C-alpha atoms as a PDB file:
ATOM      1  CA  UNK A   1     -13.939   4.550  17.410  1.00  0.00           C
ATOM      2  CA  UNK A   2     -13.245   5.140  13.742  1.00  0.00           C
ATOM      3  CA  UNK A   3     -13.736   8.878  14.067  1.00  0.00           C
ATOM      4  CA  UNK A   4     -11.094   8.966  16.783  1.00  0.00           C
ATOM      5  CA  UNK A   5      -8.752   6.879  14.646  1.00  0.00           C
ATOM      6  CA  UNK A   6      -9.050   9.363  11.799  1.00  0.00           C
ATOM      7  CA  UNK A   7      -7.311  11.920  13.999  1.00  0.00           C
ATOM      8  CA  UNK A   8      -4.294   9.693  14.525  1.00  0.00           C
ATOM      9  CA  UNK A   9      -2.497  10.405  11.225  1.00  0.00           C
ATOM     10  CA  UNK A  10      -2.769  14.171  11.719  1.00  0.00           C
ATOM     11  CA  UNK A  11      -1.780  13.937  15.367  1.00  0.00           C
ATOM     12  CA  UNK A  12       1.231  11.785  14.559  1.00  0.00           C
ATOM     13  CA  UNK A  13       2.343  14.055  11.743  1.00  0.00           C
ATOM     14  CA  UNK A  14       2.035  17.130  13.960  1.00  0.00           C
ATOM     15  CA  UNK A  15       4.046  15.458  16.695  1.00  0.00           C
ATOM     16  CA  UNK A  16       6.831  14.635  14.263  1.00  0.00           C
ATOM     17  CA  UNK A  17       6.873  18.135  12.827  1.00  0.00           C
ATOM     18  CA  UNK A  18       6.916  19.812  16.240  1.00  0.00           C
ATOM     19  CA  UNK A  19       9.776  17.607  17.386  1.00  0.00           C
ATOM     20  CA  UNK A  20      12.169  18.552  14.583  1.00  0.00           C
ATOM     21  CA  UNK A  21      14.756  21.240  15.492  1.00  0.00           C
ATOM     22  CA  UNK A  22      14.852  24.377  13.375  1.00  0.00           C
ATOM     23  CA  UNK A  23      18.572  23.903  12.805  1.00  0.00           C
ATOM     24  CA  UNK A  24      18.023  20.737  10.800  1.00  0.00           C
ATOM     25  CA  UNK A  25      18.281  20.627   7.019  1.00  0.00           C
ATOM     26  CA  UNK A  26      15.383  21.666   4.843  1.00  0.00           C
ATOM     27  CA  UNK A  27      12.856  18.855   4.343  1.00  0.00           C
ATOM     28  CA  UNK A  28      12.793  17.108   0.991  1.00  0.00           C
ATOM     29  CA  UNK A  29       9.413  17.214  -0.727  1.00  0.00           C
ATOM     30  CA  UNK A  30       8.439  14.873  -3.552  1.00  0.00           C
ATOM     31  CA  UNK A  31       5.267  14.007  -5.424  1.00  0.00           C
ATOM     32  CA  UNK A  32       4.064  11.227  -7.692  1.00  0.00           C
ATOM     33  CA  UNK A  33       1.180  10.579 -10.037  1.00  0.00           C
ATOM     34  CA  UNK A  34       0.164   7.438 -11.917  1.00  0.00           C
ATOM     35  CA  UNK A  35      -2.523   5.906 -14.093  1.00  0.00           C
ATOM     36  CA  UNK A  36      -3.081   2.156 -13.888  1.00  0.00           C
ATOM     37  CA  UNK A  37      -5.321  -0.236 -15.789  1.00  0.00           C
ATOM     38  CA  UNK A  38      -6.318  -1.934 -12.493  1.00  0.00           C
ATOM     39  CA  UNK A  39      -5.573  -0.910  -8.902  1.00  0.00           C
ATOM     40  CA  UNK A  40      -4.406  -4.110  -7.201  1.00  0.00           C
ATOM     41  CA  UNK A  41      -3.752  -4.203  -3.444  1.00  0.00           C
ATOM     42  CA  UNK A  42      -2.345  -7.411  -2.038  1.00  0.00           C
ATOM     43  CA  UNK A  43      -3.479  -9.211  -5.148  1.00  0.00           C
ATOM     44  CA  UNK A  44      -7.097  -8.017  -5.139  1.00  0.00           C
ATOM     45  CA  UNK A  45      -8.581  -5.380  -7.444  1.00  0.00           C
ATOM     46  CA  UNK A  46      -9.724  -2.224  -5.674  1.00  0.00           C
ATOM     47  CA  UNK A  47     -11.135  -0.676  -8.846  1.00  0.00           C
ATOM     48  CA  UNK A  48     -13.493  -3.374 -10.154  1.00  0.00           C
ATOM     49  CA  UNK A  49     -10.741  -4.351 -12.655  1.00  0.00           C
ATOM     50  CA  UNK A  50     -10.967  -0.886 -14.211  1.00  0.00           C
ATOM     51  CA  UNK A  51      -8.494   1.964 -14.495  1.00  0.00           C
ATOM     52  CA  UNK A  52      -7.535   4.101 -11.490  1.00  0.00           C
ATOM     53  CA  UNK A  53      -5.882   7.487 -11.066  1.00  0.00           C
ATOM     54  CA  UNK A  54      -3.378   7.718  -8.216  1.00  0.00           C
ATOM     55  CA  UNK A  55      -0.998  10.210  -6.658  1.00  0.00           C
ATOM     56  CA  UNK A  56       0.724  11.325  -3.496  1.00  0.00           C
ATOM     57  CA  UNK A  57       3.107  13.619  -1.638  1.00  0.00           C
ATOM     58  CA  UNK A  58       6.030  12.792   0.661  1.00  0.00           C
ATOM     59  CA  UNK A  59       8.054  14.974   3.016  1.00  0.00           C
ATOM     60  CA  UNK A  60      11.348  13.632   4.403  1.00  0.00           C
ATOM     61  CA  UNK A  61      13.141  15.186   7.376  1.00  0.00           C
ATOM     62  CA  UNK A  62      16.617  14.445   8.667  1.00  0.00           C
ATOM     63  CA  UNK A  63      17.531  12.068  10.206  1.00  0.00           C
ATOM     64  CA  UNK A  64      15.104   9.799   8.354  1.00  0.00           C
ATOM     65  CA  UNK A  65      11.646  10.829   9.562  1.00  0.00           C
ATOM     66  CA  UNK A  66       8.933  11.123   6.937  1.00  0.00           C
ATOM     67  CA  UNK A  67       5.225  11.842   6.494  1.00  0.00           C
ATOM     68  CA  UNK A  68       3.052  11.433   3.426  1.00  0.00           C
ATOM     69  CA  UNK A  69      -0.336  11.057   1.840  1.00  0.00           C
ATOM     70  CA  UNK A  70      -1.331   8.872  -1.110  1.00  0.00           C
ATOM     71  CA  UNK A  71      -4.687   8.538  -2.841  1.00  0.00           C
ATOM     72  CA  UNK A  72      -6.420   6.461  -5.486  1.00  0.00           C
ATOM     73  CA  UNK A  73      -9.804   6.166  -7.087  1.00  0.00           C
ATOM     74  CA  UNK A  74     -11.558   2.918  -6.101  1.00  0.00           C
ATOM     75  CA  UNK A  75     -14.654   0.999  -7.168  1.00  0.00           C
ATOM     76  CA  UNK A  76     -15.988  -1.882  -5.082  1.00  0.00           C
ATOM     77  CA  UNK A  77     -19.217  -2.129  -7.093  1.00  0.00           C
ATOM     78  CA  UNK A  78     -21.249  -1.572  -3.878  1.00  0.00           C
ATOM     79  CA  UNK A  79     -20.303  -5.032  -2.577  1.00  0.00           C
ATOM     80  CA  UNK A  80     -21.221  -5.440   1.082  1.00  0.00           C
ATOM     81  CA  UNK A  81     -22.055  -1.721   1.265  1.00  0.00           C
ATOM     82  CA  UNK A  82     -18.670  -0.385   0.138  1.00  0.00           C
ATOM     83  CA  UNK A  83     -19.857   2.577  -1.908  1.00  0.00           C
ATOM     84  CA  UNK A  84     -16.860   4.931  -1.669  1.00  0.00           C
ATOM     85  CA  UNK A  85     -14.984   6.043  -4.775  1.00  0.00           C
ATOM     86  CA  UNK A  86     -11.796   7.292  -3.112  1.00  0.00           C
ATOM     87  CA  UNK A  87      -9.040   5.889  -0.901  1.00  0.00           C
ATOM     88  CA  UNK A  88      -6.690   8.167   1.047  1.00  0.00           C
ATOM     89  CA  UNK A  89      -3.678   6.762   2.907  1.00  0.00           C
ATOM     90  CA  UNK A  90      -1.891   8.809   5.577  1.00  0.00           C
ATOM     91  CA  UNK A  91       1.454   7.567   6.829  1.00  0.00           C
ATOM     92  CA  UNK A  92       4.446   8.536   8.946  1.00  0.00           C
ATOM     93  CA  UNK A  93       7.602   6.738   9.923  1.00  0.00           C
ATOM     94  CA  UNK A  94      11.368   6.565  10.171  1.00  0.00           C
ATOM     95  CA  UNK A  95      13.867   4.869   7.899  1.00  0.00           C
ATOM     96  CA  UNK A  96      17.629   4.446   7.710  1.00  0.00           C
ATOM     97  CA  UNK A  97      20.271   2.659   5.660  1.00  0.00           C
ATOM     98  CA  UNK A  98      23.784   1.723   6.714  1.00  0.00           C
ATOM     99  CA  UNK A  99      26.935   1.931   4.639  1.00  0.00           C
ATOM    100  CA  UNK A 100      26.709  -1.838   4.130  1.00  0.00           C
ATOM    101  CA  UNK A 101      23.312  -1.462   2.354  1.00  0.00           C
ATOM    102  CA  UNK A 102      21.206  -2.719   5.284  1.00  0.00           C
ATOM    103  CA  UNK A 103      17.979  -0.731   5.621  1.00  0.00           C
ATOM    104  CA  UNK A 104      15.245  -0.422   8.244  1.00  0.00           C
ATOM    105  CA  UNK A 105      11.820   1.230   7.898  1.00  0.00           C
ATOM    106  CA  UNK A 106       9.284   1.554  10.744  1.00  0.00           C
ATOM    107  CA  UNK A 107       5.964   3.343  10.434  1.00  0.00           C
ATOM    108  CA  UNK A 108       2.222   3.800  10.755  1.00  0.00           C
ATOM    109  CA  UNK A 109      -0.400   4.031   7.995  1.00  0.00           C
ATOM    110  CA  UNK A 110      -4.095   4.852   8.082  1.00  0.00           C
ATOM    111  CA  UNK A 111      -6.394   3.800   5.226  1.00  0.00           C
ATOM    112  CA  UNK A 112      -9.356   6.144   4.836  1.00  0.00           C
ATOM    113  CA  UNK A 113     -12.359   5.700   2.528  1.00  0.00           C
ATOM    114  CA  UNK A 114     -14.234   9.037   2.662  1.00  0.00           C
ATOM    115  CA  UNK A 115     -17.854   8.820   1.598  1.00  0.00           C
ATOM    116  CA  UNK A 116     -18.027   5.075   2.236  1.00  0.00           C
ATOM    117  CA  UNK A 117     -20.996   5.168   4.597  1.00  0.00           C
ATOM    118  CA  UNK A 118     -22.284   1.669   3.883  1.00  0.00           C
ATOM    119  CA  UNK A 119     -19.472  -0.162   5.694  1.00  0.00           C
ATOM    120  CA  UNK A 120     -16.689   0.488   8.184  1.00  0.00           C
ATOM    121  CA  UNK A 121     -13.818   0.156   5.765  1.00  0.00           C
ATOM    122  CA  UNK A 122     -11.290   2.477   7.442  1.00  0.00           C
ATOM    123  CA  UNK A 123      -8.431   0.793   9.270  1.00  0.00           C
ATOM    124  CA  UNK A 124      -4.869   1.340  10.466  1.00  0.00           C
ATOM    125  CA  UNK A 125      -1.616  -0.621  10.319  1.00  0.00           C
ATOM    126  CA  UNK A 126       1.816  -0.620  11.877  1.00  0.00           C
ATOM    127  CA  UNK A 127       4.607  -1.769   9.591  1.00  0.00           C
ATOM    128  CA  UNK A 128       8.251  -2.770   9.727  1.00  0.00           C
ATOM    129  CA  UNK A 129      10.592  -3.843   6.966  1.00  0.00           C
ATOM    130  CA  UNK A 130      14.260  -4.650   6.636  1.00  0.00           C
ATOM    131  CA  UNK A 131      16.238  -4.675   3.423  1.00  0.00           C
ATOM    132  CA  UNK A 132      19.618  -5.739   2.183  1.00  0.00           C
ATOM    133  CA  UNK A 133      20.631  -4.530  -1.258  1.00  0.00           C
ATOM    134  CA  UNK A 134      17.852  -5.733  -3.612  1.00  0.00           C
ATOM    135  CA  UNK A 135      15.856  -7.837  -1.106  1.00  0.00           C
ATOM    136  CA  UNK A 136      13.180  -6.548   1.311  1.00  0.00           C
ATOM    137  CA  UNK A 137      11.289  -8.471   4.009  1.00  0.00           C
ATOM    138  CA  UNK A 138       8.328  -6.821   5.728  1.00  0.00           C
ATOM    139  CA  UNK A 139       5.395  -7.271   8.070  1.00  0.00           C
ATOM    140  CA  UNK A 140       2.220  -5.202   8.586  1.00  0.00           C
ATOM    141  CA  UNK A 141      -0.131  -5.473  11.559  1.00  0.00           C
ATOM    142  CA  UNK A 142      -3.712  -4.202  11.847  1.00  0.00           C
ATOM    143  CA  UNK A 143      -5.784  -4.409  15.017  1.00  0.00           C
ATOM    144  CA  UNK A 144      -9.086  -4.136  13.099  1.00  0.00           C
ATOM    145  CA  UNK A 145      -8.635  -4.938   9.425  1.00  0.00           C
ATOM    146  CA  UNK A 146     -10.784  -3.707   6.544  1.00  0.00           C
ATOM    147  CA  UNK A 147     -14.405  -4.526   7.455  1.00  0.00           C
ATOM    148  CA  UNK A 148     -13.343  -7.764   9.132  1.00  0.00           C
ATOM    149  CA  UNK A 149     -13.258  -6.794  12.837  1.00  0.00           C
ATOM    150  CA  UNK A 150     -10.229  -9.048  13.124  1.00  0.00           C
ATOM    151  CA  UNK A 151      -6.495  -8.656  13.568  1.00  0.00           C
ATOM    152  CA  UNK A 152      -4.354  -9.014  10.459  1.00  0.00           C
ATOM    153  CA  UNK A 153      -0.737  -9.944   9.896  1.00  0.00           C
ATOM    154  CA  UNK A 154       0.654  -9.427   6.405  1.00  0.00           C
ATOM    155  CA  UNK A 155       4.070 -10.864   5.562  1.00  0.00           C
ATOM    156  CA  UNK A 156       5.846 -10.127   2.305  1.00  0.00           C
ATOM    157  CA  UNK A 157       9.106 -10.410   0.419  1.00  0.00           C
ATOM    158  CA  UNK A 158      10.215  -8.164  -2.450  1.00  0.00           C
ATOM    159  CA  UNK A 159      13.108  -8.469  -4.856  1.00  0.00           C
ATOM    160  CA  UNK A 160      14.035  -5.481  -7.024  1.00  0.00           C
ATOM    161  CA  UNK A 161      16.691  -5.732  -9.699  1.00  0.00           C
ATOM    162  CA  UNK A 162      17.969  -2.912 -11.881  1.00  0.00           C
ATOM    163  CA  UNK A 163      18.902  -4.498 -15.201  1.00  0.00           C
ATOM    164  CA  UNK A 164      20.375  -1.329 -16.722  1.00  0.00           C
ATOM    165  CA  UNK A 165      19.649   2.404 -16.877  1.00  0.00           C
ATOM    166  CA  UNK A 166      16.240   1.754 -18.458  1.00  0.00           C
ATOM    167  CA  UNK A 167      14.917  -1.659 -17.410  1.00  0.00           C
ATOM    168  CA  UNK A 168      14.153  -3.015 -13.940  1.00  0.00           C
ATOM    169  CA  UNK A 169      12.479  -6.141 -12.562  1.00  0.00           C
ATOM    170  CA  UNK A 170      10.362  -6.468  -9.394  1.00  0.00           C
ATOM    171  CA  UNK A 171       9.128  -9.701  -7.783  1.00  0.00           C
ATOM    172  CA  UNK A 172       6.648  -9.747  -4.883  1.00  0.00           C
ATOM    173  CA  UNK A 173       5.190 -12.497  -2.701  1.00  0.00           C
ATOM    174  CA  UNK A 174       2.772 -11.770   0.154  1.00  0.00           C
ATOM    175  CA  UNK A 175       0.752 -13.701   2.724  1.00  0.00           C
ATOM    176  CA  UNK A 176      -2.306 -12.305   4.556  1.00  0.00           C
ATOM    177  CA  UNK A 177      -3.504 -13.976   7.755  1.00  0.00           C
ATOM    178  CA  UNK A 178      -6.375 -13.051  10.066  1.00  0.00           C
ATOM    179  CA  UNK A 179      -5.642 -13.849  13.707  1.00  0.00           C
ATOM    180  CA  UNK A 180      -9.031 -14.530  15.324  1.00  0.00           C
ATOM    181  CA  UNK A 181     -10.726 -16.818  12.843  1.00  0.00           C
ATOM    182  CA  UNK A 182     -12.440 -14.098  10.840  1.00  0.00           C
ATOM    183  CA  UNK A 183     -12.869 -14.131   7.087  1.00  0.00           C
ATOM    184  CA  UNK A 184     -11.651 -11.994   4.213  1.00  0.00           C
ATOM    185  CA  UNK A 185     -14.193 -10.328   1.986  1.00  0.00           C
ATOM    186  CA  UNK A 186     -17.393 -12.372   1.613  1.00  0.00           C
ATOM    187  CA  UNK A 187     -16.128 -15.737   2.868  1.00  0.00           C
ATOM    188  CA  UNK A 188     -14.682 -17.470   5.899  1.00  0.00           C
ATOM    189  CA  UNK A 189     -11.260 -17.700   4.242  1.00  0.00           C
ATOM    190  CA  UNK A 190      -8.779 -16.566   6.904  1.00  0.00           C
ATOM    191  CA  UNK A 191      -5.574 -16.491   4.840  1.00  0.00           C
ATOM    192  CA  UNK A 192      -4.385 -16.200   1.252  1.00  0.00           C
ATOM    193  CA  UNK A 193      -1.298 -15.491  -0.846  1.00  0.00           C
ATOM    194  CA  UNK A 194      -0.691 -12.795  -3.433  1.00  0.00           C
ATOM    195  CA  UNK A 195       2.107 -12.388  -5.955  1.00  0.00           C
ATOM    196  CA  UNK A 196       3.334 -10.188  -8.760  1.00  0.00           C
ATOM    197  CA  UNK A 197       6.073  -9.982 -11.362  1.00  0.00           C
ATOM    198  CA  UNK A 198       6.669  -6.550 -12.880  1.00  0.00           C
ATOM    199  CA  UNK A 199       8.929  -5.149 -15.588  1.00  0.00           C
ATOM    200  CA  UNK A 200       9.491  -1.393 -15.729  1.00  0.00           C
ATOM    201  CA  UNK A 201      11.030   0.773 -18.438  1.00  0.00           C
ATOM    202  CA  UNK A 202      12.103   4.300 -17.459  1.00  0.00           C
ATOM    203  CA  UNK A 203      11.804   6.415 -20.588  1.00  0.00           C
ATOM    204  CA  UNK A 204      11.311  10.171 -21.038  1.00  0.00           C
ATOM    205  CA  UNK A 205      11.378  10.594 -17.233  1.00  0.00           C
ATOM    206  CA  UNK A 206       8.289   8.369 -16.982  1.00  0.00           C
ATOM    207  CA  UNK A 207       8.035   4.805 -15.638  1.00  0.00           C
ATOM    208  CA  UNK A 208       6.127   2.350 -17.855  1.00  0.00           C
ATOM    209  CA  UNK A 209       5.268  -0.852 -15.980  1.00  0.00           C
ATOM    210  CA  UNK A 210       3.719  -4.137 -17.066  1.00  0.00           C
ATOM    211  CA  UNK A 211       2.921  -6.499 -14.180  1.00  0.00           C
ATOM    212  CA  UNK A 212       1.499  -9.984 -13.807  1.00  0.00           C
ATOM    213  CA  UNK A 213      -0.566  -9.860 -10.593  1.00  0.00           C
ATOM    214  CA  UNK A 214      -2.743 -12.408  -8.812  1.00  0.00           C
ATOM    215  CA  UNK A 215      -3.694 -14.393  -5.719  1.00  0.00           C
ATOM    216  CA  UNK A 216      -4.636 -17.948  -4.765  1.00  0.00           C
ATOM    217  CA  UNK A 217      -8.241 -16.922  -3.993  1.00  0.00           C
ATOM    218  CA  UNK A 218     -11.105 -18.468  -5.953  1.00  0.00           C
ATOM    219  CA  UNK A 219     -13.813 -16.273  -7.478  1.00  0.00           C
ATOM    220  CA  UNK A 220     -16.408 -17.370  -4.915  1.00  0.00           C
ATOM    221  CA  UNK A 221     -14.020 -16.106  -2.231  1.00  0.00           C
ATOM    222  CA  UNK A 222     -13.997 -12.563  -3.655  1.00  0.00           C
ATOM    223  CA  UNK A 223     -17.691 -11.602  -3.843  1.00  0.00           C
ATOM    224  CA  UNK A 224     -18.067 -14.062  -6.747  1.00  0.00           C
ATOM    225  CA  UNK A 225     -15.904 -11.763  -8.880  1.00  0.00           C
ATOM    226  CA  UNK A 226     -12.618 -12.117 -10.752  1.00  0.00           C
ATOM    227  CA  UNK A 227     -10.926  -9.420  -8.645  1.00  0.00           C
ATOM    228  CA  UNK A 228      -8.351 -11.871  -7.298  1.00  0.00           C
ATOM    229  CA  UNK A 229      -7.677 -13.684 -10.579  1.00  0.00           C
ATOM    230  CA  UNK A 230      -4.305 -13.535 -12.302  1.00  0.00           C
ATOM    231  CA  UNK A 231      -4.145 -10.571 -14.645  1.00  0.00           C
ATOM    232  CA  UNK A 232      -1.820  -8.276 -16.564  1.00  0.00           C
ATOM    233  CA  UNK A 233      -1.761  -4.714 -15.236  1.00  0.00           C
ATOM    234  CA  UNK A 234      -0.260  -1.762 -17.098  1.00  0.00           C
ATOM    235  CA  UNK A 235       0.632   1.509 -15.400  1.00  0.00           C
ATOM    236  CA  UNK A 236       2.316   4.803 -16.207  1.00  0.00           C
ATOM    237  CA  UNK A 237       3.838   6.873 -13.400  1.00  0.00           C
ATOM    238  CA  UNK A 238       5.963   9.958 -12.872  1.00  0.00           C
ATOM    239  CA  UNK A 239       7.742  11.345  -9.822  1.00  0.00           C
ATOM    240  CA  UNK A 240       8.540  15.003  -9.182  1.00  0.00           C
END
């Protein structure tokens, strides 16, 4: 099943590319790279609370279709058989924004952990988000979430505020909920909240971010580790 799912990102990307008329504008290609003191995903460390190197590519086609790939080093300390050291995310979707600053983004993402033979960590999600000016509301759905064999719904709200040409503020609140009574990680916990508050300075064409990140999970609910504890995370990123 997972091997078949791995073909989905490539199949979807090919379908989008083949369906775009030659007369359309040239696609816009961008790239990004970052170094972070701790890779946090939905409040939980994916790098054993150590540094991670990350980067990706995006291609945008008119009128709003896009495909991309993003990767990061990971370290799960061999918990529950998760031995992989790399995460690759493949995604494709469509987005638009009206003149009145209302935006819509619909897409598909596949999370791949190559080399992680000890557990079935790969999974896929559908996502949708709407935005108005600085506020974004979103939902992600997975039919077979990360090693849980359960359906997941993830709800979140983001607020992004540009203070001036240099400083910006980002606030995030998320809620993860398994749908069939399964448990996250090493426990029977079927829901939890995550949150973050980040301040970014854009200097010398580089973004310098300091974030306060955490969740309401206890240590015994995260493999008896501090991966979900509140923590300060520093990152440096650049887009091309």
